[in-house]
Amino acid sequence: MFVRRSVRLLALSALTTMFLSVAVAAQKTASPTGTVSVCKEIDDDWKCVGESAEWAANTNFNVLFVNSVPVGVDFIGIVFHKQGSDGKDVAFINEYQQQMDPKYRKYATVGDNFKLPAGTYSVYIISWGKRESLVHNGNFTEYFAKTTLKVK
């Protein structure tokens, strides 16, 4: 009886480890696979309308993320960091969690949710599980997409 329980426990433990390994592998985003665009709006055909890498300060905008493959995660993050003069992230601004079906490749915000004061910003699309929860250093090395936005 004891041996059977031990074997079942060992088998359950092995299966759990295997499933966790597969889940972690699906979330790996070591090299960028998509693009992120800043737009006035996104049309019904997933096209960025009024796209620009420069934006007026304190003016609302939307974000369009298009990935080359399904994201493989349930939640993505849109993360904003202010850049220093050397182009490196120096200040965390904000992050937004977005639910997304793992089979999908595209995500768009609607409703002009974002606006920023003057400055230069990194805009990242990341797997939510890769976010920095305690210290926000930025300069991510693993992300789905990144762009630089100049706000004047």
Protein backbone atom coordinates (compact mmCIF):
# COMPACT_ATOMS: atom_id res chain seq x y z
CA MET A 1 0.00 0.00 0.00
CA PHE A 2 2.76 2.43 0.96
CA VAL A 3 4.69 1.61 -2.23
CA ARG A 4 1.63 2.30 -4.41
CA ARG A 5 1.11 5.69 -2.80
CA SER A 6 4.77 6.53 -3.24
CA VAL A 7 4.65 5.56 -6.91
CA ARG A 8 1.46 7.61 -7.45
CA LEU A 9 3.00 10.59 -5.69
CA LEU A 10 6.16 10.29 -7.77
CA ALA A 11 4.13 10.04 -11.01
CA LEU A 12 1.99 13.03 -10.02
CA SER A 13 5.10 15.01 -9.17
CA ALA A 14 6.69 14.15 -12.54
CA LEU A 15 3.55 15.16 -14.46
CA THR A 16 3.30 18.46 -12.57
CA THR A 17 6.95 19.24 -13.35
CA MET A 18 6.40 18.39 -17.02
CA PHE A 19 3.31 20.66 -17.30
CA LEU A 20 5.07 23.53 -15.54
CA SER A 21 8.07 23.18 -17.86
CA VAL A 22 5.83 23.32 -20.93
CA ALA A 23 3.98 26.38 -19.57
CA VAL A 24 7.22 28.23 -18.86
CA ALA A 25 8.62 27.37 -22.28
CA ALA A 26 5.48 28.75 -23.95
CA GLN A 27 5.98 32.07 -22.15
CA LYS A 28 9.62 32.54 -23.14
CA THR A 29 10.00 35.80 -25.05
CA ALA A 30 13.78 35.98 -25.31
CA SER A 31 13.72 37.64 -28.71
CA PRO A 32 11.07 40.13 -29.85
CA THR A 33 8.43 38.61 -32.12
CA GLY A 34 6.11 41.56 -32.68
CA THR A 35 5.58 45.26 -33.11
CA VAL A 36 3.93 47.88 -30.94
CA SER A 37 2.55 51.07 -32.47
CA VAL A 38 1.15 54.27 -31.00
CA CYS A 39 -2.01 55.40 -32.81
CA LYS A 40 -4.87 57.86 -32.69
CA GLU A 41 -7.18 54.88 -33.17
CA ILE A 42 -7.25 51.32 -34.50
CA ASP A 43 -9.69 50.49 -37.30
CA ASP A 44 -11.78 47.34 -37.75
CA ASP A 45 -9.05 45.75 -39.92
CA TRP A 46 -6.39 46.06 -37.16
CA LYS A 47 -4.72 49.01 -38.89
CA CYS A 48 -3.14 51.80 -36.89
CA VAL A 49 -4.79 55.12 -37.84
CA GLY A 50 -2.71 58.21 -37.14
CA GLU A 51 0.39 56.19 -36.23
CA SER A 52 3.40 58.17 -35.05
CA ALA A 53 6.64 57.77 -33.11
CA GLU A 54 6.13 61.37 -31.91
CA TRP A 55 3.13 62.49 -29.92
CA ALA A 56 1.86 65.74 -28.43
CA ALA A 57 2.25 65.98 -24.66
CA ASN A 58 -0.82 65.10 -22.59
CA THR A 59 -2.74 63.98 -25.69
CA ASN A 60 -4.58 60.66 -25.59
CA PHE A 61 -3.41 57.73 -27.70
CA ASN A 62 -4.00 54.00 -28.21
CA VAL A 63 -1.60 51.09 -28.56
CA LEU A 64 -1.64 48.34 -31.21
CA PHE A 65 0.37 45.16 -30.64
CA VAL A 66 0.83 42.70 -33.51
CA ASN A 67 2.84 39.52 -32.92
CA SER A 68 4.17 37.18 -35.60
CA VAL A 69 3.05 34.09 -33.65
CA PRO A 70 0.36 33.42 -31.01
CA VAL A 71 1.46 34.94 -27.69
CA GLY A 72 1.01 31.75 -25.68
CA VAL A 73 0.06 33.61 -22.47
CA ASP A 74 -3.21 34.69 -20.87
CA PHE A 75 -2.01 38.15 -19.84
CA ILE A 76 0.25 40.68 -21.47
CA GLY A 77 1.56 43.89 -19.99
CA ILE A 78 1.91 47.31 -21.59
CA VAL A 79 4.76 48.97 -19.70
CA PHE A 80 5.98 52.57 -19.96
CA HIS A 81 9.43 53.75 -18.84
CA LYS A 82 10.94 57.20 -19.33
CA GLN A 83 14.30 57.15 -21.10
CA GLY A 84 17.40 59.08 -20.19
CA SER A 85 19.55 60.97 -22.71
CA ASP A 86 21.49 57.75 -23.37
CA GLY A 87 18.31 55.91 -24.48
CA LYS A 88 18.20 53.67 -21.41
CA ASP A 89 15.17 53.42 -19.15
CA VAL A 90 15.58 55.62 -16.07
CA ALA A 91 12.10 55.98 -14.55
CA PHE A 92 9.10 53.67 -14.34
CA ILE A 93 5.88 55.42 -15.43
CA ASN A 94 3.13 52.80 -15.37
CA GLU A 95 2.07 49.31 -16.41
CA TYR A 96 -1.24 47.92 -17.58
CA GLN A 97 -2.33 44.29 -17.45
CA GLN A 98 -4.38 43.11 -20.43
CA GLN A 99 -6.09 39.74 -20.77
CA MET A 100 -5.44 38.05 -24.10
CA ASP A 101 -6.26 34.60 -25.44
CA PRO A 102 -2.98 32.64 -25.80
CA LYS A 103 -3.97 31.75 -29.40
CA TYR A 104 -4.21 35.38 -30.48
CA ARG A 105 -1.49 37.48 -32.12
CA LYS A 106 -3.03 40.98 -31.87
CA TYR A 107 -4.18 43.32 -29.13
CA ALA A 108 -5.44 46.89 -29.35
CA THR A 109 -6.49 49.41 -26.76
CA VAL A 110 -9.51 51.58 -27.44
CA GLY A 111 -10.87 54.63 -25.72
CA ASP A 112 -7.74 56.78 -25.67
CA ASN A 113 -6.57 55.38 -22.34
CA PHE A 114 -3.02 56.66 -22.41
CA LYS A 115 -1.35 60.07 -22.35
CA LEU A 116 2.12 61.16 -21.25
CA PRO A 117 3.94 64.39 -20.39
CA ALA A 118 6.88 65.55 -22.54
CA GLY A 119 9.81 63.17 -22.70
CA THR A 120 11.10 60.08 -24.46
CA TYR A 121 9.60 56.75 -23.45
CA SER A 122 10.10 53.03 -23.95
CA VAL A 123 6.82 51.23 -24.58
CA TYR A 124 7.07 47.48 -24.00
CA ILE A 125 4.65 44.62 -24.57
CA ILE A 126 5.65 41.83 -22.19
CA SER A 127 4.33 38.58 -20.80
CA TRP A 128 2.65 39.71 -17.56
CA GLY A 129 4.59 37.02 -15.70
CA LYS A 130 7.84 38.76 -16.70
CA ARG A 131 6.93 42.13 -15.16
CA GLU A 132 9.02 43.73 -12.47
CA SER A 133 6.80 43.67 -9.40
CA LEU A 134 9.03 45.16 -6.69
CA VAL A 135 11.74 47.17 -8.41
CA HIS A 136 11.03 48.76 -11.79
CA ASN A 137 14.41 49.07 -13.53
CA GLY A 138 13.14 48.77 -17.09
CA ASN A 139 15.58 47.95 -19.87
CA PHE A 140 13.78 44.64 -20.39
CA THR A 141 15.66 41.94 -22.26
CA GLU A 142 12.63 39.68 -22.73
CA TYR A 143 9.57 41.18 -24.41
CA PHE A 144 7.21 40.62 -27.31
CA ALA A 145 7.62 44.12 -28.74
CA LYS A 146 9.18 47.51 -27.92
CA THR A 147 9.06 50.98 -29.40
CA THR A 148 10.39 54.40 -28.48
CA LEU A 149 7.87 57.23 -28.24
CA LYS A 150 8.92 60.88 -28.25
CA VAL A 151 6.39 63.12 -26.56
CA LYS A 152 6.71 66.87 -27.17
